[in-house]
Amino acid sequence: MSFTLKLDSLTHDLNIGDNGKFKIVSGSDEVRQRVKVALYHYQGEYFLNTPNGVPWHDGLLGLKGNKNTLSNTIRKKILEVPGVIRIIEFRLTYDSVSRSYSPYAKIVVARSEDEGSDLLTIDGLYVEA
């Protein structure tokens, strides 16, 4: 049996209940968490799998005229997440004051073997340039 431990949406630490036990996440919330983890995983961050992750600092951020490459990379990473079927809508906005990018995506995710799919919105992520 497979399960995913729930992470706090703000601190990204493990979410522990009042009883001292780890919380589990499933369904659409599990896919949302996996997308978030995939996008926040920097390439080279995990020493046992250095090619895995997003190359934020090694080729995406800080380059002029790079918005299309950045959009395509983010879309690709979202589609690689288990449970994601397709992206329906995608926007990438840049805030010049905070120098950060914010992706917004509406994606279709698988519910279970025979139950069809759900629509999921991914918003509120940002990456500093």
Protein backbone atom coordinates (compact mmCIF):
# COMPACT_ATOMS: atom_id res chain seq x y z
CA MET A 1 0.00 0.00 0.00
CA SER A 2 1.32 3.43 -0.97
CA PHE A 3 0.76 6.62 1.00
CA THR A 4 2.06 10.17 1.11
CA LEU A 5 2.81 12.09 4.30
CA LYS A 6 1.08 15.46 4.46
CA LEU A 7 3.22 18.60 4.40
CA ASP A 8 2.26 21.94 5.93
CA SER A 9 1.24 24.20 3.04
CA LEU A 10 3.21 27.20 4.36
CA THR A 11 6.32 25.78 6.03
CA HIS A 12 6.59 22.57 3.96
CA ASP A 13 7.39 20.64 7.14
CA LEU A 14 5.73 17.33 7.96
CA ASN A 15 2.23 17.88 9.30
CA ILE A 16 1.79 16.17 12.67
CA GLY A 17 -1.64 15.85 14.30
CA ASP A 18 -2.59 16.64 17.89
CA ASN A 19 -2.09 12.97 18.76
CA GLY A 20 1.56 13.12 17.64
CA LYS A 21 0.97 11.00 14.53
CA PHE A 22 1.83 11.96 10.98
CA LYS A 23 -1.08 12.98 8.75
CA ILE A 24 -1.63 11.31 5.39
CA VAL A 25 -2.76 13.07 2.20
CA SER A 26 -4.62 11.40 -0.68
CA GLY A 27 -6.62 12.10 -3.84
CA SER A 28 -6.46 15.53 -5.44
CA ASP A 29 -4.69 16.99 -2.40
CA GLU A 30 -1.93 14.41 -2.82
CA VAL A 31 -1.46 15.39 -6.48
CA ARG A 32 -1.44 19.10 -5.54
CA GLN A 33 1.26 18.42 -2.93
CA ARG A 34 3.30 16.36 -5.41
CA VAL A 35 3.16 19.16 -8.00
CA LYS A 36 4.31 21.67 -5.40
CA VAL A 37 7.17 19.40 -4.28
CA ALA A 38 8.20 18.81 -7.91
CA LEU A 39 8.36 22.55 -8.64
CA TYR A 40 10.23 23.42 -5.44
CA HIS A 41 12.79 20.65 -5.92
CA TYR A 42 15.99 22.31 -7.14
CA GLN A 43 18.20 20.32 -9.50
CA GLY A 44 21.23 18.97 -7.66
CA GLU A 45 19.58 19.45 -4.26
CA TYR A 46 19.43 15.73 -3.44
CA PHE A 47 22.95 14.29 -3.51
CA LEU A 48 21.80 10.77 -4.42
CA ASN A 49 19.95 11.98 -7.54
CA THR A 50 21.56 15.23 -8.70
CA PRO A 51 20.02 15.28 -12.23
CA ASN A 52 16.50 15.27 -10.74
CA GLY A 53 14.70 18.54 -10.05
CA VAL A 54 14.23 21.88 -11.79
CA PRO A 55 17.37 23.76 -12.89
CA TRP A 56 16.16 27.08 -11.49
CA HIS A 57 19.56 28.70 -10.92
CA ASP A 58 21.54 26.84 -13.57
CA GLY A 59 19.63 27.90 -16.62
CA LEU A 60 16.17 29.28 -16.02
CA LEU A 61 16.19 32.31 -13.74
CA GLY A 62 18.06 35.51 -14.38
CA LEU A 63 18.25 35.18 -18.16
CA LYS A 64 16.55 37.82 -20.30
CA GLY A 65 13.83 36.65 -22.69
CA ASN A 66 13.56 33.36 -20.84
CA LYS A 67 9.82 33.31 -20.01
CA ASN A 68 8.94 30.75 -22.72
CA THR A 69 11.69 28.36 -21.59
CA LEU A 70 10.60 28.79 -17.98
CA SER A 71 6.92 28.18 -18.87
CA ASN A 72 7.77 25.06 -20.87
CA THR A 73 9.95 23.67 -18.07
CA ILE A 74 7.25 24.22 -15.45
CA ARG A 75 4.60 22.63 -17.69
CA LYS A 76 6.86 19.62 -18.30
CA LYS A 77 7.49 19.15 -14.56
CA ILE A 78 3.75 19.35 -13.81
CA LEU A 79 2.96 16.73 -16.47
CA GLU A 80 5.63 14.38 -15.05
CA VAL A 81 3.85 14.21 -11.67
CA PRO A 82 1.98 10.90 -11.18
CA GLY A 83 -1.77 11.48 -11.31
CA VAL A 84 -1.67 14.51 -13.64
CA ILE A 85 -3.52 13.81 -16.89
CA ARG A 86 -3.25 17.16 -18.70
CA ILE A 87 -2.97 20.93 -18.25
CA ILE A 88 -6.07 22.89 -19.26
CA GLU A 89 -4.87 26.41 -18.47
CA PHE A 90 -1.45 27.81 -17.63
CA ARG A 91 -0.17 31.33 -16.84
CA LEU A 92 3.18 32.56 -15.63
CA THR A 93 3.34 36.08 -14.20
CA TYR A 94 6.38 38.07 -13.19
CA ASP A 95 6.38 40.58 -10.32
CA SER A 96 9.19 43.09 -10.87
CA VAL A 97 9.00 44.42 -7.28
CA SER A 98 9.63 41.06 -5.61
CA ARG A 99 11.49 39.72 -8.67
CA SER A 100 9.50 36.50 -8.56
CA TYR A 101 7.53 34.30 -10.95
CA SER A 102 4.13 32.89 -10.03
CA PRO A 103 2.76 29.97 -12.03
CA TYR A 104 -0.97 29.29 -12.18
CA ALA A 105 -2.28 26.03 -13.66
CA LYS A 106 -5.59 24.24 -13.99
CA ILE A 107 -4.93 20.55 -14.40
CA VAL A 108 -6.94 17.38 -14.78
CA VAL A 109 -5.95 14.68 -12.29
CA ALA A 110 -6.89 11.02 -12.05
CA ARG A 111 -9.11 10.13 -9.09
CA SER A 112 -8.72 6.37 -8.99
CA GLU A 113 -8.92 3.33 -11.24
CA ASP A 114 -12.60 3.63 -12.26
CA GLU A 115 -13.74 6.98 -10.89
CA GLY A 116 -12.67 9.32 -13.72
CA SER A 117 -10.90 12.61 -13.06
CA ASP A 118 -10.97 15.87 -11.09
CA LEU A 119 -10.10 19.44 -12.00
CA LEU A 120 -7.36 20.87 -9.79
CA THR A 121 -5.99 24.42 -9.57
CA ILE A 122 -2.36 25.02 -8.66
CA ASP A 123 -1.78 28.59 -7.50
CA GLY A 124 0.18 30.47 -4.89
CA LEU A 125 3.60 29.10 -5.82
CA TYR A 126 6.40 31.55 -6.46
CA VAL A 127 10.04 31.31 -7.39
CA GLU A 128 12.43 34.20 -6.86
CA ALA A 129 14.43 35.23 -9.91
